[in-house]
Amino acid sequence: MNLVMSEIESPYFVEILRGVEETLDNAGLSMVLTTTHDEARRHRRWMARVVEHGTEGVVLVLPDEHAAPLEELRRRGIPFAVVDQEERGNLCRLRRRMESVLLLGLKT
């Protein structure tokens, strides 16, 4: 499973990281973490690795202007969940969404 974040310095991102890691661990899965630092080059490298090596699913924690990866994931049939700034403090919703991605990913 891939977790893609623009950064990991703030407590918000650390909380998401812990929640995703715990959910995946409970499902017997591991996580690959990518931080993009909002650099297009890092986005492209991450997508190339996902295409080359595959993934069970993706959780994206990126600014709204990064819609291109979503279209590519849809086109390739890769399950994903997007966490946006409005979900700050709502990790229950994130955990439910993450579990949905796990179910989709495990069925492919």
PDB file of N, CA and C in Angstrom:
ATOM      1  N   MET A   1       0.843  -1.163   0.000  1.00  0.00           N
ATOM      2  CA  MET A   1       0.000   0.000   0.000  1.00  0.00           C
ATOM      3  C   MET A   1       0.892   1.231   0.000  1.00  0.00           C
ATOM      4  N   ASN A   2       0.507   2.240  -0.747  1.00  0.00           N
ATOM      5  CA  ASN A   2       1.280   3.472  -0.832  1.00  0.00           C
ATOM      6  C   ASN A   2       0.582   4.597  -0.089  1.00  0.00           C
ATOM      7  N   LEU A   3       1.356   5.343   0.680  1.00  0.00           N
ATOM      8  CA  LEU A   3       0.888   6.568   1.313  1.00  0.00           C
ATOM      9  C   LEU A   3       1.729   7.693   0.734  1.00  0.00           C
ATOM     10  N   VAL A   4       1.074   8.667   0.099  1.00  0.00           N
ATOM     11  CA  VAL A   4       1.776   9.772  -0.541  1.00  0.00           C
ATOM     12  C   VAL A   4       1.377  11.065   0.155  1.00  0.00           C
ATOM     13  N   MET A   5       2.376  11.759   0.691  1.00  0.00           N
ATOM     14  CA  MET A   5       2.130  12.996   1.435  1.00  0.00           C
ATOM     15  C   MET A   5       3.048  14.081   0.899  1.00  0.00           C
ATOM     16  N   SER A   6       2.579  15.325   0.991  1.00  0.00           N
ATOM     17  CA  SER A   6       3.430  16.429   0.556  1.00  0.00           C
ATOM     18  C   SER A   6       4.544  16.689   1.571  1.00  0.00           C
ATOM     19  N   GLU A   7       4.292  16.423   2.828  1.00  0.00           N
ATOM     20  CA  GLU A   7       5.301  16.585   3.883  1.00  0.00           C
ATOM     21  C   GLU A   7       4.876  15.780   5.097  1.00  0.00           C
ATOM     22  N   ILE A   8       5.786  15.642   6.060  1.00  0.00           N
ATOM     23  CA  ILE A   8       5.456  14.872   7.262  1.00  0.00           C
ATOM     24  C   ILE A   8       5.851  15.594   8.539  1.00  0.00           C
ATOM     25  N   GLU A   9       6.158  16.870   8.439  1.00  0.00           N
ATOM     26  CA  GLU A   9       6.651  17.599   9.599  1.00  0.00           C
ATOM     27  C   GLU A   9       5.558  17.993  10.594  1.00  0.00           C
ATOM     28  N   SER A  10       4.357  18.297  10.138  1.00  0.00           N
ATOM     29  CA  SER A  10       3.330  18.801  11.050  1.00  0.00           C
ATOM     30  C   SER A  10       2.644  17.662  11.807  1.00  0.00           C
ATOM     31  N   PRO A  11       2.111  17.945  12.978  1.00  0.00           N
ATOM     32  CA  PRO A  11       1.399  16.923  13.759  1.00  0.00           C
ATOM     33  C   PRO A  11       0.232  16.310  12.982  1.00  0.00           C
ATOM     34  N   TYR A  12      -0.427  17.092  12.126  1.00  0.00           N
ATOM     35  CA  TYR A  12      -1.532  16.587  11.310  1.00  0.00           C
ATOM     36  C   TYR A  12      -1.073  15.417  10.445  1.00  0.00           C
ATOM     37  N   PHE A  13       0.051  15.584   9.758  1.00  0.00           N
ATOM     38  CA  PHE A  13       0.545  14.534   8.874  1.00  0.00           C
ATOM     39  C   PHE A  13       1.059  13.338   9.662  1.00  0.00           C
ATOM     40  N   VAL A  14       1.674  13.590  10.804  1.00  0.00           N
ATOM     41  CA  VAL A  14       2.154  12.492  11.648  1.00  0.00           C
ATOM     42  C   VAL A  14       0.972  11.659  12.143  1.00  0.00           C
ATOM     43  N   GLU A  15      -0.124  12.313  12.506  1.00  0.00           N
ATOM     44  CA  GLU A  15      -1.315  11.602  12.970  1.00  0.00           C
ATOM     45  C   GLU A  15      -1.900  10.729  11.858  1.00  0.00           C
ATOM     46  N   ILE A  16      -1.941  11.260  10.646  1.00  0.00           N
ATOM     47  CA  ILE A  16      -2.422  10.465   9.506  1.00  0.00           C
ATOM     48  C   ILE A  16      -1.499   9.279   9.275  1.00  0.00           C
ATOM     49  N   LEU A  17      -0.208   9.517   9.287  1.00  0.00           N
ATOM     50  CA  LEU A  17       0.775   8.456   9.081  1.00  0.00           C
ATOM     51  C   LEU A  17       0.575   7.331  10.086  1.00  0.00           C
ATOM     52  N   ARG A  18       0.421   7.676  11.349  1.00  0.00           N
ATOM     53  CA  ARG A  18       0.204   6.656  12.390  1.00  0.00           C
ATOM     54  C   ARG A  18      -1.096   5.887  12.164  1.00  0.00           C
ATOM     55  N   GLY A  19      -2.166   6.602  11.819  1.00  0.00           N
ATOM     56  CA  GLY A  19      -3.449   5.944  11.600  1.00  0.00           C
ATOM     57  C   GLY A  19      -3.430   4.992  10.421  1.00  0.00           C
ATOM     58  N   VAL A  20      -2.811   5.407   9.327  1.00  0.00           N
ATOM     59  CA  VAL A  20      -2.710   4.545   8.145  1.00  0.00           C
ATOM     60  C   VAL A  20      -1.851   3.322   8.466  1.00  0.00           C
ATOM     61  N   GLU A  21      -0.720   3.554   9.112  1.00  0.00           N
ATOM     62  CA  GLU A  21       0.172   2.455   9.463  1.00  0.00           C
ATOM     63  C   GLU A  21      -0.534   1.430  10.358  1.00  0.00           C
ATOM     64  N   GLU A  22      -1.281   1.905  11.355  1.00  0.00           N
ATOM     65  CA  GLU A  22      -2.001   1.003  12.262  1.00  0.00           C
ATOM     66  C   GLU A  22      -3.065   0.208  11.512  1.00  0.00           C
ATOM     67  N   THR A  23      -3.814   0.884  10.656  1.00  0.00           N
ATOM     68  CA  THR A  23      -4.864   0.209   9.887  1.00  0.00           C
ATOM     69  C   THR A  23      -4.267  -0.865   8.993  1.00  0.00           C
ATOM     70  N   LEU A  24      -3.181  -0.534   8.313  1.00  0.00           N
ATOM     71  CA  LEU A  24      -2.533  -1.518   7.434  1.00  0.00           C
ATOM     72  C   LEU A  24      -1.960  -2.680   8.229  1.00  0.00           C
ATOM     73  N   ASP A  25      -1.333  -2.390   9.359  1.00  0.00           N
ATOM     74  CA  ASP A  25      -0.764  -3.444  10.187  1.00  0.00           C
ATOM     75  C   ASP A  25      -1.851  -4.410  10.643  1.00  0.00           C
ATOM     76  N   ASN A  26      -3.010  -3.874  11.030  1.00  0.00           N
ATOM     77  CA  ASN A  26      -4.129  -4.725  11.448  1.00  0.00           C
ATOM     78  C   ASN A  26      -4.632  -5.600  10.303  1.00  0.00           C
ATOM     79  N   ALA A  27      -4.437  -5.131   9.067  1.00  0.00           N
ATOM     80  CA  ALA A  27      -4.866  -5.901   7.894  1.00  0.00           C
ATOM     81  C   ALA A  27      -3.751  -6.811   7.378  1.00  0.00           C
ATOM     82  N   GLY A  28      -2.590  -6.786   8.042  1.00  0.00           N
ATOM     83  CA  GLY A  28      -1.478  -7.632   7.625  1.00  0.00           C
ATOM     84  C   GLY A  28      -0.748  -7.098   6.400  1.00  0.00           C
ATOM     85  N   LEU A  29      -0.842  -5.794   6.168  1.00  0.00           N
ATOM     86  CA  LEU A  29      -0.185  -5.192   5.011  1.00  0.00           C
ATOM     87  C   LEU A  29       0.903  -4.223   5.459  1.00  0.00           C
ATOM     88  N   SER A  30       1.803  -3.939   4.558  1.00  0.00           N
ATOM     89  CA  SER A  30       2.844  -2.958   4.845  1.00  0.00           C
ATOM     90  C   SER A  30       2.618  -1.716   3.994  1.00  0.00           C
ATOM     91  N   MET A  31       3.388  -0.687   4.291  1.00  0.00           N
ATOM     92  CA  MET A  31       3.184   0.605   3.662  1.00  0.00           C
ATOM     93  C   MET A  31       4.487   1.109   3.066  1.00  0.00           C
ATOM     94  N   VAL A  32       4.363   1.756   1.914  1.00  0.00           N
ATOM     95  CA  VAL A  32       5.472   2.484   1.317  1.00  0.00           C
ATOM     96  C   VAL A  32       5.102   3.960   1.426  1.00  0.00           C
ATOM     97  N   LEU A  33       5.941   4.742   2.099  1.00  0.00           N
ATOM     98  CA  LEU A  33       5.688   6.163   2.290  1.00  0.00           C
ATOM     99  C   LEU A  33       6.505   6.964   1.288  1.00  0.00           C
ATOM    100  N   THR A  34       5.837   7.887   0.612  1.00  0.00           N
ATOM    101  CA  THR A  34       6.512   8.813  -0.293  1.00  0.00           C
ATOM    102  C   THR A  34       6.154  10.227   0.120  1.00  0.00           C
ATOM    103  N   THR A  35       7.157  11.066   0.291  1.00  0.00           N
ATOM    104  CA  THR A  35       6.907  12.489   0.515  1.00  0.00           C
ATOM    105  C   THR A  35       7.348  13.228  -0.736  1.00  0.00           C
ATOM    106  N   THR A  36       6.464  14.093  -1.228  1.00  0.00           N
ATOM    107  CA  THR A  36       6.722  14.771  -2.499  1.00  0.00           C
ATOM    108  C   THR A  36       7.287  16.172  -2.333  1.00  0.00           C
ATOM    109  N   HIS A  37       7.090  16.777  -1.186  1.00  0.00           N
ATOM    110  CA  HIS A  37       7.526  18.154  -0.944  1.00  0.00           C
ATOM    111  C   HIS A  37       6.994  19.084  -2.037  1.00  0.00           C
ATOM    112  N   ASP A  38       5.831  18.720  -2.591  1.00  0.00           N
ATOM    113  CA  ASP A  38       5.165  19.490  -3.649  1.00  0.00           C
ATOM    114  C   ASP A  38       6.039  19.696  -4.881  1.00  0.00           C
ATOM    115  N   GLU A  39       6.868  18.729  -5.186  1.00  0.00           N
ATOM    116  CA  GLU A  39       7.734  18.807  -6.364  1.00  0.00           C
ATOM    117  C   GLU A  39       7.204  17.883  -7.452  1.00  0.00           C
ATOM    118  N   ALA A  40       6.988  18.434  -8.636  1.00  0.00           N
ATOM    119  CA  ALA A  40       6.451  17.659  -9.763  1.00  0.00           C
ATOM    120  C   ALA A  40       7.339  16.460 -10.094  1.00  0.00           C
ATOM    121  N   ARG A  41       8.640  16.637  -9.989  1.00  0.00           N
ATOM    122  CA  ARG A  41       9.581  15.551 -10.290  1.00  0.00           C
ATOM    123  C   ARG A  41       9.341  14.353  -9.363  1.00  0.00           C
ATOM    124  N   ARG A  42       9.086  14.617  -8.100  1.00  0.00           N
ATOM    125  CA  ARG A  42       8.832  13.532  -7.143  1.00  0.00           C
ATOM    126  C   ARG A  42       7.492  12.850  -7.417  1.00  0.00           C
ATOM    127  N   HIS A  43       6.489  13.629  -7.823  1.00  0.00           N
ATOM    128  CA  HIS A  43       5.192  13.040  -8.200  1.00  0.00           C
ATOM    129  C   HIS A  43       5.380  12.069  -9.367  1.00  0.00           C
ATOM    130  N   ARG A  44       6.119  12.503 -10.370  1.00  0.00           N
ATOM    131  CA  ARG A  44       6.335  11.652 -11.555  1.00  0.00           C
ATOM    132  C   ARG A  44       7.100  10.382 -11.201  1.00  0.00           C
ATOM    133  N   ARG A  45       8.131  10.503 -10.375  1.00  0.00           N
ATOM    134  CA  ARG A  45       8.901   9.319  -9.977  1.00  0.00           C
ATOM    135  C   ARG A  45       8.047   8.339  -9.189  1.00  0.00           C
ATOM    136  N   TRP A  46       7.225   8.881  -8.287  1.00  0.00           N
ATOM    137  CA  TRP A  46       6.357   8.007  -7.503  1.00  0.00           C
ATOM    138  C   TRP A  46       5.393   7.256  -8.424  1.00  0.00           C
ATOM    139  N   MET A  47       4.758   7.962  -9.343  1.00  0.00           N
ATOM    140  CA  MET A  47       3.799   7.309 -10.243  1.00  0.00           C
ATOM    141  C   MET A  47       4.494   6.260 -11.100  1.00  0.00           C
ATOM    142  N   ALA A  48       5.688   6.538 -11.575  1.00  0.00           N
ATOM    143  CA  ALA A  48       6.435   5.564 -12.381  1.00  0.00           C
ATOM    144  C   ALA A  48       6.713   4.299 -11.575  1.00  0.00           C
ATOM    145  N   ARG A  49       7.065   4.448 -10.305  1.00  0.00           N
ATOM    146  CA  ARG A  49       7.309   3.271  -9.456  1.00  0.00           C
ATOM    147  C   ARG A  49       6.032   2.467  -9.225  1.00  0.00           C
ATOM    148  N   VAL A  50       4.918   3.169  -9.009  1.00  0.00           N
ATOM    149  CA  VAL A  50       3.642   2.470  -8.805  1.00  0.00           C
ATOM    150  C   VAL A  50       3.274   1.685 -10.060  1.00  0.00           C
ATOM    151  N   VAL A  51       3.446   2.298 -11.212  1.00  0.00           N
ATOM    152  CA  VAL A  51       3.126   1.617 -12.470  1.00  0.00           C
ATOM    153  C   VAL A  51       4.047   0.416 -12.666  1.00  0.00           C
ATOM    154  N   GLU A  52       5.334   0.584 -12.388  1.00  0.00           N
ATOM    155  CA  GLU A  52       6.303  -0.488 -12.597  1.00  0.00           C
ATOM    156  C   GLU A  52       6.128  -1.647 -11.624  1.00  0.00           C
ATOM    157  N   HIS A  53       5.910  -1.335 -10.346  1.00  0.00           N
ATOM    158  CA  HIS A  53       5.883  -2.378  -9.311  1.00  0.00           C
ATOM    159  C   HIS A  53       4.491  -2.756  -8.834  1.00  0.00           C
ATOM    160  N   GLY A  54       3.480  -1.949  -9.139  1.00  0.00           N
ATOM    161  CA  GLY A  54       2.119  -2.230  -8.690  1.00  0.00           C
ATOM    162  C   GLY A  54       1.918  -1.852  -7.231  1.00  0.00           C
ATOM    163  N   THR A  55       0.663  -1.888  -6.800  1.00  0.00           N
ATOM    164  CA  THR A  55       0.311  -1.575  -5.421  1.00  0.00           C
ATOM    165  C   THR A  55      -1.085  -2.100  -5.130  1.00  0.00           C
ATOM    166  N   GLU A  56      -1.373  -2.345  -3.863  1.00  0.00           N
ATOM    167  CA  GLU A  56      -2.720  -2.754  -3.449  1.00  0.00           C
ATOM    168  C   GLU A  56      -3.670  -1.569  -3.428  1.00  0.00           C
ATOM    169  N   GLY A  57      -3.119  -0.356  -3.289  1.00  0.00           N
ATOM    170  CA  GLY A  57      -3.930   0.845  -3.232  1.00  0.00           C
ATOM    171  C   GLY A  57      -3.079   2.020  -2.783  1.00  0.00           C
ATOM    172  N   VAL A  58      -3.681   3.201  -2.817  1.00  0.00           N
ATOM    173  CA  VAL A  58      -2.950   4.429  -2.529  1.00  0.00           C
ATOM    174  C   VAL A  58      -3.799   5.334  -1.640  1.00  0.00           C
ATOM    175  N   VAL A  59      -3.160   5.946  -0.664  1.00  0.00           N
ATOM    176  CA  VAL A  59      -3.773   7.021   0.123  1.00  0.00           C
ATOM    177  C   VAL A  59      -2.972   8.272  -0.192  1.00  0.00           C
ATOM    178  N   LEU A  60      -3.655   9.298  -0.702  1.00  0.00           N
ATOM    179  CA  LEU A  60      -3.006  10.552  -1.090  1.00  0.00           C
ATOM    180  C   LEU A  60      -3.370  11.647  -0.117  1.00  0.00           C
ATOM    181  N   VAL A  61      -2.364  12.305   0.429  1.00  0.00           N
ATOM    182  CA  VAL A  61      -2.562  13.455   1.304  1.00  0.00           C
ATOM    183  C   VAL A  61      -1.794  14.598   0.639  1.00  0.00           C
ATOM    184  N   LEU A  62      -2.442  15.221  -0.339  1.00  0.00           N
ATOM    185  CA  LEU A  62      -1.791  16.224  -1.175  1.00  0.00           C
ATOM    186  C   LEU A  62      -2.694  17.436  -1.337  1.00  0.00           C
ATOM    187  N   PRO A  63      -2.119  18.588  -1.687  1.00  0.00           N
ATOM    188  CA  PRO A  63      -2.949  19.762  -1.976  1.00  0.00           C
ATOM    189  C   PRO A  63      -3.890  19.495  -3.146  1.00  0.00           C
ATOM    190  N   ASP A  64      -4.971  20.248  -3.211  1.00  0.00           N
ATOM    191  CA  ASP A  64      -6.002  20.047  -4.226  1.00  0.00           C
ATOM    192  C   ASP A  64      -5.505  20.146  -5.653  1.00  0.00           C
ATOM    193  N   GLU A  65      -4.447  20.902  -5.902  1.00  0.00           N
ATOM    194  CA  GLU A  65      -4.017  21.110  -7.282  1.00  0.00           C
ATOM    195  C   GLU A  65      -3.361  19.881  -7.906  1.00  0.00           C
ATOM    196  N   HIS A  66      -3.228  18.800  -7.160  1.00  0.00           N
ATOM    197  CA  HIS A  66      -2.590  17.592  -7.681  1.00  0.00           C
ATOM    198  C   HIS A  66      -3.628  16.572  -8.139  1.00  0.00           C
ATOM    199  N   ALA A  67      -4.400  16.913  -9.149  1.00  0.00           N
ATOM    200  CA  ALA A  67      -5.443  16.026  -9.652  1.00  0.00           C
ATOM    201  C   ALA A  67      -4.907  15.022 -10.669  1.00  0.00           C
ATOM    202  N   ALA A  68      -3.773  15.297 -11.296  1.00  0.00           N
ATOM    203  CA  ALA A  68      -3.242  14.411 -12.333  1.00  0.00           C
ATOM    204  C   ALA A  68      -3.016  12.981 -11.839  1.00  0.00           C
ATOM    205  N   PRO A  69      -2.427  12.779 -10.643  1.00  0.00           N
ATOM    206  CA  PRO A  69      -2.254  11.392 -10.188  1.00  0.00           C
ATOM    207  C   PRO A  69      -3.581  10.652 -10.044  1.00  0.00           C
ATOM    208  N   LEU A  70      -4.641  11.353  -9.686  1.00  0.00           N
ATOM    209  CA  LEU A  70      -5.937  10.704  -9.515  1.00  0.00           C
ATOM    210  C   LEU A  70      -6.435  10.126 -10.828  1.00  0.00           C
ATOM    211  N   GLU A  71      -6.306  10.887 -11.892  1.00  0.00           N
ATOM    212  CA  GLU A  71      -6.741  10.401 -13.206  1.00  0.00           C
ATOM    213  C   GLU A  71      -5.931   9.187 -13.643  1.00  0.00           C
ATOM    214  N   GLU A  72      -4.640   9.229 -13.401  1.00  0.00           N
ATOM    215  CA  GLU A  72      -3.781   8.100 -13.766  1.00  0.00           C
ATOM    216  C   GLU A  72      -4.147   6.858 -12.949  1.00  0.00           C
ATOM    217  N   LEU A  73      -4.388   7.029 -11.653  1.00  0.00           N
ATOM    218  CA  LEU A  73      -4.786   5.894 -10.818  1.00  0.00           C
ATOM    219  C   LEU A  73      -6.123   5.326 -11.286  1.00  0.00           C
ATOM    220  N   ARG A  74      -7.087   6.196 -11.585  1.00  0.00           N
ATOM    221  CA  ARG A  74      -8.388   5.729 -12.104  1.00  0.00           C
ATOM    222  C   ARG A  74      -8.212   4.941 -13.390  1.00  0.00           C
ATOM    223  N   ARG A  75      -7.418   5.502 -14.288  1.00  0.00           N
ATOM    224  CA  ARG A  75      -7.206   4.871 -15.597  1.00  0.00           C
ATOM    225  C   ARG A  75      -6.597   3.470 -15.439  1.00  0.00           C
ATOM    226  N   ARG A  76      -5.752   3.311 -14.466  1.00  0.00           N
ATOM    227  CA  ARG A  76      -5.077   2.026 -14.259  1.00  0.00           C
ATOM    228  C   ARG A  76      -5.846   1.094 -13.317  1.00  0.00           C
ATOM    229  N   GLY A  77      -6.971   1.562 -12.784  1.00  0.00           N
ATOM    230  CA  GLY A  77      -7.785   0.721 -11.903  1.00  0.00           C
ATOM    231  C   GLY A  77      -7.180   0.498 -10.533  1.00  0.00           C
ATOM    232  N   ILE A  78      -6.362   1.429 -10.067  1.00  0.00           N
ATOM    233  CA  ILE A  78      -5.726   1.313  -8.756  1.00  0.00           C
ATOM    234  C   ILE A  78      -6.610   1.990  -7.717  1.00  0.00           C
ATOM    235  N   PRO A  79      -7.046   1.264  -6.694  1.00  0.00           N
ATOM    236  CA  PRO A  79      -7.892   1.869  -5.653  1.00  0.00           C
ATOM    237  C   PRO A  79      -7.129   2.961  -4.893  1.00  0.00           C
ATOM    238  N   PHE A  80      -7.836   4.049  -4.561  1.00  0.00           N
ATOM    239  CA  PHE A  80      -7.193   5.128  -3.828  1.00  0.00           C
ATOM    240  C   PHE A  80      -8.194   5.878  -2.968  1.00  0.00           C
ATOM    241  N   ALA A  81      -7.647   6.565  -1.969  1.00  0.00           N
ATOM    242  CA  ALA A  81      -8.419   7.474  -1.120  1.00  0.00           C
ATOM    243  C   ALA A  81      -7.648   8.772  -1.051  1.00  0.00           C
ATOM    244  N   VAL A  82      -8.373   9.888  -1.017  1.00  0.00           N
ATOM    245  CA  VAL A  82      -7.758  11.209  -0.930  1.00  0.00           C
ATOM    246  C   VAL A  82      -8.138  11.822   0.405  1.00  0.00           C
ATOM    247  N   VAL A  83      -7.143  12.320   1.122  1.00  0.00           N
ATOM    248  CA  VAL A  83      -7.370  13.010   2.377  1.00  0.00           C
ATOM    249  C   VAL A  83      -7.133  14.488   2.106  1.00  0.00           C
ATOM    250  N   ASP A  84      -8.114  15.305   2.426  1.00  0.00           N
ATOM    251  CA  ASP A  84      -7.949  16.740   2.179  1.00  0.00           C
ATOM    252  C   ASP A  84      -7.930  17.516   3.483  1.00  0.00           C
ATOM    253  N   GLN A  85      -7.677  18.805   3.372  1.00  0.00           N
ATOM    254  CA  GLN A  85      -7.540  19.645   4.553  1.00  0.00           C
ATOM    255  C   GLN A  85      -8.822  19.704   5.383  1.00  0.00           C
ATOM    256  N   GLU A  86      -9.989  19.495   4.759  1.00  0.00           N
ATOM    257  CA  GLU A  86     -11.253  19.539   5.499  1.00  0.00           C
ATOM    258  C   GLU A  86     -11.386  18.385   6.480  1.00  0.00           C
ATOM    259  N   GLU A  87     -10.588  17.337   6.293  1.00  0.00           N
ATOM    260  CA  GLU A  87     -10.691  16.170   7.164  1.00  0.00           C
ATOM    261  C   GLU A  87      -9.782  16.263   8.378  1.00  0.00           C
ATOM    262  N   ARG A  88      -9.142  17.389   8.570  1.00  0.00           N
ATOM    263  CA  ARG A  88      -8.300  17.540   9.771  1.00  0.00           C
ATOM    264  C   ARG A  88      -9.123  17.191  11.010  1.00  0.00           C
ATOM    265  N   GLY A  89      -8.580  16.347  11.830  1.00  0.00           N
ATOM    266  CA  GLY A  89      -9.252  15.997  13.070  1.00  0.00           C
ATOM    267  C   GLY A  89     -10.334  14.940  12.913  1.00  0.00           C
ATOM    268  N   ASN A  90     -10.564  14.453  11.713  1.00  0.00           N
ATOM    269  CA  ASN A  90     -11.601  13.450  11.510  1.00  0.00           C
ATOM    270  C   ASN A  90     -10.960  12.135  11.060  1.00  0.00           C
ATOM    271  N   LEU A  91     -10.151  11.557  11.937  1.00  0.00           N
ATOM    272  CA  LEU A  91      -9.457  10.332  11.579  1.00  0.00           C
ATOM    273  C   LEU A  91     -10.387   9.129  11.514  1.00  0.00           C
ATOM    274  N   CYS A  92     -11.551   9.205  12.148  1.00  0.00           N
ATOM    275  CA  CYS A  92     -12.519   8.106  12.029  1.00  0.00           C
ATOM    276  C   CYS A  92     -12.964   7.977  10.577  1.00  0.00           C
ATOM    277  N   ARG A  93     -13.247   9.102   9.932  1.00  0.00           N
ATOM    278  CA  ARG A  93     -13.649   9.067   8.524  1.00  0.00           C
ATOM    279  C   ARG A  93     -12.497   8.550   7.662  1.00  0.00           C
ATOM    280  N   LEU A  94     -11.274   9.008   7.948  1.00  0.00           N
ATOM    281  CA  LEU A  94     -10.114   8.534   7.207  1.00  0.00           C
ATOM    282  C   LEU A  94      -9.943   7.029   7.373  1.00  0.00           C
ATOM    283  N   ARG A  95     -10.094   6.536   8.592  1.00  0.00           N
ATOM    284  CA  ARG A  95      -9.919   5.106   8.829  1.00  0.00           C
ATOM    285  C   ARG A  95     -10.961   4.291   8.049  1.00  0.00           C
ATOM    286  N   ARG A  96     -12.225   4.757   8.016  1.00  0.00           N
ATOM    287  CA  ARG A  96     -13.255   4.051   7.234  1.00  0.00           C
ATOM    288  C   ARG A  96     -12.908   4.064   5.753  1.00  0.00           C
ATOM    289  N   ARG A  97     -12.439   5.214   5.264  1.00  0.00           N
ATOM    290  CA  ARG A  97     -12.071   5.317   3.856  1.00  0.00           C
ATOM    291  C   ARG A  97     -10.883   4.400   3.555  1.00  0.00           C
ATOM    292  N   MET A  98      -9.918   4.365   4.458  1.00  0.00           N
ATOM    293  CA  MET A  98      -8.744   3.512   4.297  1.00  0.00           C
ATOM    294  C   MET A  98      -9.153   2.040   4.259  1.00  0.00           C
ATOM    295  N   GLU A  99     -10.070   1.652   5.114  1.00  0.00           N
ATOM    296  CA  GLU A  99     -10.539   0.270   5.118  1.00  0.00           C
ATOM    297  C   GLU A  99     -11.246  -0.066   3.811  1.00  0.00           C
ATOM    298  N   SER A 100     -11.967   0.888   3.238  1.00  0.00           N
ATOM    299  CA  SER A 100     -12.619   0.678   1.942  1.00  0.00           C
ATOM    300  C   SER A 100     -11.576   0.461   0.845  1.00  0.00           C
ATOM    301  N   VAL A 101     -10.508   1.245   0.883  1.00  0.00           N
ATOM    302  CA  VAL A 101      -9.445   1.082  -0.103  1.00  0.00           C
ATOM    303  C   VAL A 101      -8.797  -0.285   0.063  1.00  0.00           C
ATOM    304  N   LEU A 102      -8.579  -0.710   1.305  1.00  0.00           N
ATOM    305  CA  LEU A 102      -8.006  -2.026   1.543  1.00  0.00           C
ATOM    306  C   LEU A 102      -8.886  -3.118   0.949  1.00  0.00           C
ATOM    307  N   LEU A 103     -10.175  -3.026   1.170  1.00  0.00           N
ATOM    308  CA  LEU A 103     -11.087  -4.028   0.624  1.00  0.00           C
ATOM    309  C   LEU A 103     -11.029  -4.044  -0.897  1.00  0.00           C
ATOM    310  N   LEU A 104     -11.036  -2.886  -1.524  1.00  0.00           N
ATOM    311  CA  LEU A 104     -10.938  -2.828  -2.987  1.00  0.00           C
ATOM    312  C   LEU A 104      -9.602  -3.370  -3.469  1.00  0.00           C
ATOM    313  N   GLY A 105      -8.533  -2.973  -2.809  1.00  0.00           N
ATOM    314  CA  GLY A 105      -7.209  -3.412  -3.210  1.00  0.00           C
ATOM    315  C   GLY A 105      -7.012  -4.900  -3.074  1.00  0.00           C
ATOM    316  N   LEU A 106      -7.541  -5.472  -2.031  1.00  0.00           N
ATOM    317  CA  LEU A 106      -7.366  -6.904  -1.804  1.00  0.00           C
ATOM    318  C   LEU A 106      -8.212  -7.735  -2.753  1.00  0.00           C
ATOM    319  N   LYS A 107      -9.237  -7.136  -3.357  1.00  0.00           N
ATOM    320  CA  LYS A 107     -10.083  -7.876  -4.294  1.00  0.00           C
ATOM    321  C   LYS A 107      -9.526  -7.862  -5.710  1.00  0.00           C
ATOM    322  N   THR A 108      -8.571  -6.966  -6.006  1.00  0.00           N
ATOM    323  CA  THR A 108      -8.027  -6.885  -7.375  1.00  0.00           C
ATOM    324  C   THR A 108      -6.959  -7.900  -7.596  1.00  0.00           C
TER     325      THR A 108
END
